[in-house]
Amino acid sequence: MAEQKELEQCADFHIHEEIVEKVDADMPDEEILYDLAELFKIFGDSTRIKILYVLFESEMCVCDIAQLLGMTQSAISHQLRALKQSKLVKYRREGKQVYYALADGHVRTILDQGIEHISE
């Protein structure tokens, strides 16, 4: 534990003001950081990740997603609601049927980057 404390402290107490000021100036607003943290929480659920991967391949309705994942339509709808609120999924109506898809290419990029990161 004592070794851990030593590693966390600077050898000399000297603030590198230029670096600190630059990083501080580039730091996003607190609200943006909060929103980013909330977005990443959405990716913390394996069911939502599975749904995103399903939609990565094809636009689908709740019935198809439920069948594919072996879950109830209610459970899928619940997760889709969270994904829609986070703007990761969009939907369109065709008569009484609702079809879901990834909201945009950013979602695909986030998933690809995540897979690439854990595969290293």
Protein backbone atom coordinates (compact mmCIF):
# COMPACT_ATOMS: atom_id res chain seq x y z
CA MET A 1 0.00 0.00 0.00
CA ALA A 2 2.84 2.39 0.83
CA GLU A 3 4.42 1.60 -2.55
CA GLN A 4 1.12 2.47 -4.25
CA LYS A 5 1.07 5.92 -2.58
CA GLU A 6 4.61 6.62 -3.75
CA LEU A 7 3.67 5.84 -7.35
CA GLU A 8 0.73 8.24 -7.26
CA GLN A 9 2.78 11.23 -6.12
CA CYS A 10 5.18 13.33 -8.15
CA ALA A 11 8.84 13.03 -7.19
CA ASP A 12 9.03 16.81 -6.88
CA PHE A 13 6.00 18.95 -6.29
CA HIS A 14 6.17 20.91 -9.50
CA ILE A 15 3.09 21.77 -11.54
CA HIS A 16 3.62 21.87 -15.28
CA GLU A 17 1.41 24.91 -15.76
CA GLU A 18 1.49 24.97 -19.57
CA ILE A 19 0.30 21.36 -19.77
CA VAL A 20 -2.32 21.83 -17.06
CA GLU A 21 -3.69 25.00 -18.69
CA LYS A 22 -3.85 23.39 -22.16
CA VAL A 23 -5.63 20.29 -20.90
CA ASP A 24 -8.00 22.41 -18.81
CA ALA A 25 -8.82 24.58 -21.84
CA ASP A 26 -9.49 21.48 -23.99
CA MET A 27 -11.57 19.69 -21.35
CA PRO A 28 -15.23 19.37 -22.39
CA ASP A 29 -17.90 20.95 -20.19
CA GLU A 30 -19.10 18.96 -17.18
CA GLU A 31 -22.51 18.40 -18.82
CA ILE A 32 -20.90 16.86 -21.91
CA LEU A 33 -18.75 14.55 -19.78
CA TYR A 34 -21.85 13.51 -17.81
CA ASP A 35 -23.72 12.76 -21.07
CA LEU A 36 -20.75 10.76 -22.34
CA ALA A 37 -20.66 8.70 -19.13
CA GLU A 38 -24.42 8.05 -19.49
CA LEU A 39 -23.88 6.92 -23.10
CA PHE A 40 -21.21 4.46 -22.05
CA LYS A 41 -23.50 3.07 -19.34
CA ILE A 42 -25.82 1.95 -22.15
CA PHE A 43 -23.01 -0.19 -23.54
CA GLY A 44 -22.64 -1.83 -20.11
CA ASP A 45 -25.49 -4.28 -20.71
CA SER A 46 -24.85 -7.41 -22.80
CA THR A 47 -28.49 -7.61 -23.98
CA ARG A 48 -28.28 -4.10 -25.41
CA ILE A 49 -24.95 -4.99 -27.07
CA LYS A 50 -26.58 -8.07 -28.64
CA ILE A 51 -29.45 -5.95 -29.95
CA LEU A 52 -27.00 -3.45 -31.43
CA TYR A 53 -25.12 -6.28 -33.15
CA VAL A 54 -28.38 -7.68 -34.53
CA LEU A 55 -29.20 -4.24 -35.92
CA PHE A 56 -25.63 -3.99 -37.20
CA GLU A 57 -26.63 -6.72 -39.67
CA SER A 58 -30.16 -5.73 -40.56
CA GLU A 59 -33.13 -3.54 -39.74
CA MET A 60 -35.55 -5.65 -37.68
CA CYS A 61 -38.84 -5.59 -35.80
CA VAL A 62 -39.20 -6.47 -32.12
CA CYS A 63 -40.62 -9.92 -32.98
CA ASP A 64 -37.58 -10.83 -35.08
CA ILE A 65 -35.09 -9.57 -32.48
CA ALA A 66 -36.90 -11.46 -29.71
CA GLN A 67 -36.88 -14.67 -31.78
CA LEU A 68 -33.21 -14.31 -32.67
CA LEU A 69 -32.09 -13.62 -29.09
CA GLY A 70 -34.50 -16.04 -27.42
CA MET A 71 -36.11 -13.33 -25.32
CA THR A 72 -39.59 -11.95 -24.80
CA GLN A 73 -40.85 -9.07 -26.92
CA SER A 74 -41.41 -7.13 -23.72
CA ALA A 75 -37.76 -7.51 -22.68
CA ILE A 76 -36.57 -6.45 -26.15
CA SER A 77 -38.93 -3.45 -26.18
CA HIS A 78 -37.62 -2.36 -22.79
CA GLN A 79 -34.01 -2.43 -24.03
CA LEU A 80 -34.91 -0.74 -27.32
CA ARG A 81 -36.48 2.11 -25.35
CA ALA A 82 -33.15 2.74 -23.58
CA LEU A 83 -31.28 2.52 -26.88
CA LYS A 84 -33.68 5.00 -28.52
CA GLN A 85 -33.38 7.44 -25.61
CA SER A 86 -29.59 7.32 -26.02
CA LYS A 87 -29.97 8.00 -29.75
CA LEU A 88 -28.24 4.75 -30.67
CA VAL A 89 -31.28 3.28 -32.42
CA LYS A 90 -33.86 4.77 -34.76
CA TYR A 91 -37.18 3.37 -35.91
CA ARG A 92 -39.65 3.63 -38.73
CA ARG A 93 -43.28 2.57 -39.03
CA GLU A 94 -44.66 0.49 -41.85
CA GLY A 95 -48.37 0.14 -41.19
CA LYS A 96 -48.67 -1.37 -37.72
CA GLN A 97 -45.14 -2.76 -37.81
CA VAL A 98 -42.18 -0.86 -36.34
CA TYR A 99 -38.67 -1.53 -37.65
CA TYR A 100 -35.50 -0.66 -35.76
CA ALA A 101 -32.03 0.14 -37.09
CA LEU A 102 -28.78 1.63 -35.85
CA ALA A 103 -29.15 5.40 -35.61
CA ASP A 104 -26.06 6.19 -37.67
CA GLY A 105 -22.55 5.12 -38.59
CA HIS A 106 -21.16 6.31 -35.27
CA VAL A 107 -22.80 3.38 -33.49
CA ARG A 108 -21.11 0.94 -35.86
CA THR A 109 -17.78 2.72 -35.28
CA ILE A 110 -18.15 2.52 -31.49
CA LEU A 111 -18.86 -1.21 -31.68
CA ASP A 112 -16.01 -1.83 -34.14
CA GLN A 113 -13.58 0.13 -31.95
CA GLY A 114 -14.69 -1.81 -28.87
CA ILE A 115 -14.15 -5.17 -30.57
CA GLU A 116 -10.79 -4.04 -31.90
CA HIS A 117 -9.75 -2.89 -28.43
CA ILE A 118 -10.64 -6.12 -26.63
CA SER A 119 -9.10 -8.22 -29.43
CA GLU A 120 -5.63 -6.68 -28.99
